[in-house]
Amino acid sequence: MRKLSYALPVAAFLALTTALTTGAAPGPARVSTAFTLPGAKVYPEGIAADARTGTVYVGSYADGTVYRARPGARTAEVFLPSGTDGRHTANGLRVDARGRLWVTDSTVGVSVYDPATGTRLAHFEADPATPHFINDLTITPDGTAYLTDSVRAVIYRVTPAQLRAGSGTLTVGYDLSRQVTPPPPGKFTLNGITSDAAGRYLLAVDMTAGELHRVDLATGALSRVTLTGGDLKAADGLDLSPGGTLRAAHNISNTLTRWQLTPDGTRARLLHTLTDPSLQIPTTLSHTPTRTLVVRSQFDKGGPMTPSTGTPTTFTVASVRGL
């Protein structure tokens, strides 16, 4: 994400009080702080949780630092310092089935790290001659990684064979440039991406149009998911649970939504909306069995959003229960 992705004034949203809407009467909002991130200008964006160990990783959009929060920690530690392997921004993060940490750099591509040593195991770069903004990624059960490009509206693919080779050029797996609604000049399209537990399809959100796109991994067919009850405008990060529950972080509106997908992933119904200024411009989220971890980017406080609305407070990751 960057400032070009925002089209609505932030001030209108910061005046909101907490609001919850569901089909049934919801309980009160339960937003608290999970842990803090050291640094005065972190401006975090990506998050990934290792289901095997409970370790959580967070990436800094401002300088590429990757933080690590071990289970029970109230303050994260620096895992990969700024500038590691030439990386100066960290957007999407994912931990694969073998515990390897994938980190995207919007300006370059993606790198894969050993969580024990911090050693870079592989890296894949976009063509520097082609405009690009490598944003988010998902990893399917067969070990293939898929990454969104918010400028080109394509999805790159990194296969296990490519990963074993160690490095290479990012290659386009799916071109959605004719599938997405043409955006206004300078605006992003594809942002967050996720995949179902069976590895049948990908879901990628168009944050400007508020649409959700489905890629059938068996046939390559592209389609739009039918949304009922709302849209996904300003949606940044996505998280899809095995039971078909889709959660989304909507950045400038300080909103989280929960949707129920049909078994084939072709339709989604809005179940729950949480809007709360304490989310501080949420860029993405990671759902665990007990809570949803949400990145509080504070991008509007001297970060990549313009105009700035002030100076940032301590950077934190929120814990949301009941979403």
Foldseek 3Di string as FASTA:
>chain_A
DFALADDDDLVVQLPDAKDKDFPDDDDDWDKDFQAFEDDFAQLWFEKEADQVQRKIWIAGQAFGWIWIDGPPDRYTHTDADGCRVHAGGWAAWYQDPVRWIWTARQQFGIWIADSVRRDTQATAGEDNVDDWGWHYWEAAPQGKIWIATFPQQFIWIQHPVNSVVRYYYTDTPAGCNVVWDDADPSHTFWAAKYAERNRQWIWTGTQQVQWIWIAGPVPRDIDTAAEAPDGRHQWHYWDADNQQWIWTQRFSNQKIWIWHADPVRRYIYTGMMIGHCVLQGWRYWDDDPFWIKTFNRVCLAPHRHPPHPHHDDTGGIMTTGPD
